[in-house]
Amino acid sequence: MNNIKDEIKTFLKEHDSILKRWLFIAMIIFMLMAIQIYMNYVTIIENTETIKKQNWKVQEEIDYINNYQLKYLDSSHAKNFLSHENNILKDWETVIDFRWIKQEVEINQDEEKKDITPRDEWKEYFTDKRWKNTQ
């Protein structure tokens, strides 16, 4: 037994750097495998969530059709509703079109805008303020 232990110790001492390198390489390989497994796990979870959302949307559409649209289409007034949705009018119906008339505003010559710069506006504002404060 002691002989085997001594042989292992001497082997480890002689090949210490090689074993460290191989263990380092194996550790990197296992880390890459772990990262790949985790990425696969995350994509599976994301795919199941998107499928659940799609299923929920489809179920909502089916519920809408079953609960509202079929009752709407089976009603006695469905023909009238559908004709109005498709802009088909009855004989006694007319279309009223509302339009806005654009009115042009007449500007007096006295009220015409002058080419005033912002600096001139500020100057006029402060002179008015000063004039009001002095009175």
C-alpha atoms as a PDB file:
ATOM      1  CA  MET A   1       0.000   0.000   0.000  1.00  0.00           C
ATOM      2  CA  ASN A   2       2.727   2.415   0.901  1.00  0.00           C
ATOM      3  CA  ASN A   3       4.480   1.607  -2.323  1.00  0.00           C
ATOM      4  CA  ILE A   4       1.473   2.595  -4.396  1.00  0.00           C
ATOM      5  CA  LYS A   5       1.043   5.846  -2.456  1.00  0.00           C
ATOM      6  CA  ASP A   6       4.682   6.702  -2.975  1.00  0.00           C
ATOM      7  CA  GLU A   7       4.413   5.992  -6.686  1.00  0.00           C
ATOM      8  CA  ILE A   8       1.374   8.271  -6.972  1.00  0.00           C
ATOM      9  CA  LYS A   9       3.144  11.042  -5.051  1.00  0.00           C
ATOM     10  CA  THR A  10       6.218  10.833  -7.232  1.00  0.00           C
ATOM     11  CA  PHE A  11       4.091  10.754 -10.394  1.00  0.00           C
ATOM     12  CA  LEU A  12       2.190  13.864  -9.239  1.00  0.00           C
ATOM     13  CA  LYS A  13       5.418  15.694  -8.417  1.00  0.00           C
ATOM     14  CA  GLU A  14       7.017  14.833 -11.756  1.00  0.00           C
ATOM     15  CA  HIS A  15       3.995  15.727 -13.890  1.00  0.00           C
ATOM     16  CA  ASP A  16       2.615  18.568 -11.789  1.00  0.00           C
ATOM     17  CA  SER A  17       2.567  21.264 -14.512  1.00  0.00           C
ATOM     18  CA  ILE A  18       1.050  18.943 -17.151  1.00  0.00           C
ATOM     19  CA  LEU A  19      -1.726  17.854 -14.789  1.00  0.00           C
ATOM     20  CA  LYS A  20      -2.512  21.468 -13.872  1.00  0.00           C
ATOM     21  CA  ARG A  21      -2.791  22.386 -17.531  1.00  0.00           C
ATOM     22  CA  TRP A  22      -5.079  19.451 -18.306  1.00  0.00           C
ATOM     23  CA  LEU A  23      -7.258  20.203 -15.293  1.00  0.00           C
ATOM     24  CA  PHE A  24      -7.481  23.852 -16.391  1.00  0.00           C
ATOM     25  CA  ILE A  25      -8.490  22.810 -19.921  1.00  0.00           C
ATOM     26  CA  ALA A  26     -11.076  20.360 -18.539  1.00  0.00           C
ATOM     27  CA  MET A  27     -12.454  23.092 -16.266  1.00  0.00           C
ATOM     28  CA  ILE A  28     -12.845  25.464 -19.245  1.00  0.00           C
ATOM     29  CA  ILE A  29     -14.593  22.738 -21.275  1.00  0.00           C
ATOM     30  CA  PHE A  30     -17.013  21.990 -18.415  1.00  0.00           C
ATOM     31  CA  MET A  31     -17.695  25.714 -17.949  1.00  0.00           C
ATOM     32  CA  LEU A  32     -18.558  26.069 -21.642  1.00  0.00           C
ATOM     33  CA  MET A  33     -20.844  23.056 -21.402  1.00  0.00           C
ATOM     34  CA  ALA A  34     -22.548  24.564 -18.330  1.00  0.00           C
ATOM     35  CA  ILE A  35     -23.053  27.878 -20.142  1.00  0.00           C
ATOM     36  CA  GLN A  36     -24.545  26.092 -23.143  1.00  0.00           C
ATOM     37  CA  ILE A  37     -26.897  24.074 -20.913  1.00  0.00           C
ATOM     38  CA  TYR A  38     -28.008  27.264 -19.127  1.00  0.00           C
ATOM     39  CA  MET A  39     -28.629  29.047 -22.433  1.00  0.00           C
ATOM     40  CA  ASN A  40     -30.732  26.124 -23.665  1.00  0.00           C
ATOM     41  CA  TYR A  41     -32.707  26.220 -20.399  1.00  0.00           C
ATOM     42  CA  VAL A  42     -33.376  29.957 -20.742  1.00  0.00           C
ATOM     43  CA  THR A  43     -34.494  29.633 -24.386  1.00  0.00           C
ATOM     44  CA  ILE A  44     -36.854  26.801 -23.439  1.00  0.00           C
ATOM     45  CA  ILE A  45     -38.422  28.954 -20.721  1.00  0.00           C
ATOM     46  CA  GLU A  46     -38.763  31.947 -23.080  1.00  0.00           C
ATOM     47  CA  ASN A  47     -40.315  29.776 -25.783  1.00  0.00           C
ATOM     48  CA  THR A  48     -42.856  28.325 -23.354  1.00  0.00           C
ATOM     49  CA  GLU A  49     -43.797  31.847 -22.211  1.00  0.00           C
ATOM     50  CA  THR A  50     -44.293  33.048 -25.797  1.00  0.00           C
ATOM     51  CA  ILE A  51     -46.390  29.967 -26.573  1.00  0.00           C
ATOM     52  CA  LYS A  52     -48.513  30.629 -23.474  1.00  0.00           C
ATOM     53  CA  LYS A  53     -49.062  34.236 -24.614  1.00  0.00           C
ATOM     54  CA  GLN A  54     -50.008  33.082 -28.107  1.00  0.00           C
ATOM     55  CA  ASN A  55     -52.393  30.496 -26.677  1.00  0.00           C
ATOM     56  CA  TRP A  56     -53.989  33.158 -24.480  1.00  0.00           C
ATOM     57  CA  LYS A  57     -54.484  35.487 -27.476  1.00  0.00           C
ATOM     58  CA  VAL A  58     -56.022  32.705 -29.548  1.00  0.00           C
ATOM     59  CA  GLN A  59     -58.301  31.737 -26.655  1.00  0.00           C
ATOM     60  CA  GLU A  60     -59.391  35.379 -26.303  1.00  0.00           C
ATOM     61  CA  GLU A  61     -60.270  35.512 -30.001  1.00  0.00           C
ATOM     62  CA  ILE A  62     -62.193  32.244 -29.776  1.00  0.00           C
ATOM     63  CA  ASP A  63     -64.093  33.485 -26.712  1.00  0.00           C
ATOM     64  CA  TYR A  64     -64.925  36.742 -28.486  1.00  0.00           C
ATOM     65  CA  ILE A  65     -66.230  34.884 -31.529  1.00  0.00           C
ATOM     66  CA  ASN A  66     -68.250  32.415 -29.438  1.00  0.00           C
ATOM     67  CA  ASN A  67     -69.673  34.886 -26.923  1.00  0.00           C
ATOM     68  CA  TYR A  68     -70.272  38.015 -29.009  1.00  0.00           C
ATOM     69  CA  GLN A  69     -69.808  37.684 -32.728  1.00  0.00           C
ATOM     70  CA  LEU A  70     -71.888  34.542 -33.212  1.00  0.00           C
ATOM     71  CA  LYS A  71     -74.743  36.025 -31.185  1.00  0.00           C
ATOM     72  CA  TYR A  72     -74.433  39.198 -33.226  1.00  0.00           C
ATOM     73  CA  LEU A  73     -74.514  37.332 -36.532  1.00  0.00           C
ATOM     74  CA  ASP A  74     -77.410  35.113 -35.432  1.00  0.00           C
ATOM     75  CA  SER A  75     -79.598  38.060 -34.460  1.00  0.00           C
ATOM     76  CA  SER A  76     -82.471  39.245 -36.619  1.00  0.00           C
ATOM     77  CA  HIS A  77     -80.820  42.616 -37.178  1.00  0.00           C
ATOM     78  CA  ALA A  78     -77.532  41.174 -38.451  1.00  0.00           C
ATOM     79  CA  LYS A  79     -78.388  41.931 -42.073  1.00  0.00           C
ATOM     80  CA  ASN A  80     -78.947  45.611 -41.263  1.00  0.00           C
ATOM     81  CA  PHE A  81     -75.812  45.847 -39.146  1.00  0.00           C
ATOM     82  CA  LEU A  82     -73.642  44.207 -41.783  1.00  0.00           C
ATOM     83  CA  SER A  83     -75.030  46.387 -44.546  1.00  0.00           C
ATOM     84  CA  HIS A  84     -74.247  49.497 -42.540  1.00  0.00           C
ATOM     85  CA  GLU A  85     -70.736  48.241 -41.785  1.00  0.00           C
ATOM     86  CA  ASN A  86     -70.184  47.792 -45.513  1.00  0.00           C
ATOM     87  CA  ASN A  87     -71.650  51.249 -46.336  1.00  0.00           C
ATOM     88  CA  ILE A  88     -74.697  49.824 -48.066  1.00  0.00           C
ATOM     89  CA  LEU A  89     -77.667  52.133 -47.566  1.00  0.00           C
ATOM     90  CA  LYS A  90     -81.381  51.386 -47.591  1.00  0.00           C
ATOM     91  CA  ASP A  91     -83.703  53.148 -50.034  1.00  0.00           C
ATOM     92  CA  TRP A  92     -84.910  55.607 -47.409  1.00  0.00           C
ATOM     93  CA  GLU A  93     -81.424  56.409 -46.025  1.00  0.00           C
ATOM     94  CA  THR A  94     -79.160  59.211 -47.159  1.00  0.00           C
ATOM     95  CA  VAL A  95     -75.607  60.199 -46.441  1.00  0.00           C
ATOM     96  CA  ILE A  96     -74.955  63.510 -44.771  1.00  0.00           C
ATOM     97  CA  ASP A  97     -71.509  64.890 -45.371  1.00  0.00           C
ATOM     98  CA  PHE A  98     -70.298  67.544 -42.967  1.00  0.00           C
ATOM     99  CA  ARG A  99     -67.568  69.796 -44.283  1.00  0.00           C
ATOM    100  CA  TRP A 100     -65.860  72.761 -42.737  1.00  0.00           C
ATOM    101  CA  ILE A 101     -65.731  75.913 -44.790  1.00  0.00           C
ATOM    102  CA  LYS A 102     -62.387  77.572 -44.506  1.00  0.00           C
ATOM    103  CA  GLN A 103     -62.774  81.269 -43.938  1.00  0.00           C
ATOM    104  CA  GLU A 104     -59.963  83.564 -44.801  1.00  0.00           C
ATOM    105  CA  VAL A 105     -59.336  86.158 -42.176  1.00  0.00           C
ATOM    106  CA  GLU A 106     -58.837  89.642 -43.464  1.00  0.00           C
ATOM    107  CA  ILE A 107     -55.886  91.408 -41.937  1.00  0.00           C
ATOM    108  CA  ASN A 108     -55.897  95.149 -41.704  1.00  0.00           C
ATOM    109  CA  GLN A 109     -52.810  96.891 -42.906  1.00  0.00           C
ATOM    110  CA  ASP A 110     -52.278  98.345 -39.443  1.00  0.00           C
ATOM    111  CA  GLU A 111     -52.239  94.864 -37.871  1.00  0.00           C
ATOM    112  CA  GLU A 112     -49.816  93.330 -40.304  1.00  0.00           C
ATOM    113  CA  LYS A 113     -46.897  91.635 -38.671  1.00  0.00           C
ATOM    114  CA  LYS A 114     -43.633  93.404 -38.985  1.00  0.00           C
ATOM    115  CA  ASP A 115     -40.310  91.687 -39.158  1.00  0.00           C
ATOM    116  CA  ILE A 116     -39.454  91.925 -35.479  1.00  0.00           C
ATOM    117  CA  THR A 117     -36.567  90.003 -34.069  1.00  0.00           C
ATOM    118  CA  PRO A 118     -36.681  88.445 -30.607  1.00  0.00           C
ATOM    119  CA  ARG A 119     -34.112  90.997 -29.440  1.00  0.00           C
ATOM    120  CA  ASP A 120     -36.423  93.839 -30.494  1.00  0.00           C
ATOM    121  CA  GLU A 121     -39.332  92.208 -28.663  1.00  0.00           C
ATOM    122  CA  TRP A 122     -37.309  91.932 -25.448  1.00  0.00           C
ATOM    123  CA  LYS A 123     -36.133  95.492 -25.822  1.00  0.00           C
ATOM    124  CA  GLU A 124     -39.710  96.718 -26.231  1.00  0.00           C
ATOM    125  CA  TYR A 125     -40.850  94.622 -23.258  1.00  0.00           C
ATOM    126  CA  PHE A 126     -38.205  96.045 -20.923  1.00  0.00           C
ATOM    127  CA  THR A 127     -38.776  99.634 -22.065  1.00  0.00           C
ATOM    128  CA  ASP A 128     -42.495  99.226 -21.358  1.00  0.00           C
ATOM    129  CA  LYS A 129     -41.696  97.804 -17.918  1.00  0.00           C
ATOM    130  CA  ARG A 130     -39.305 100.634 -17.158  1.00  0.00           C
ATOM    131  CA  TRP A 131     -41.785 103.222 -18.401  1.00  0.00           C
ATOM    132  CA  LYS A 132     -44.580 101.750 -16.240  1.00  0.00           C
ATOM    133  CA  ASN A 133     -42.333 101.676 -13.155  1.00  0.00           C
ATOM    134  CA  THR A 134     -41.338 105.311 -13.543  1.00  0.00           C
ATOM    135  CA  GLN A 135     -44.919 106.568 -13.722  1.00  0.00           C
END
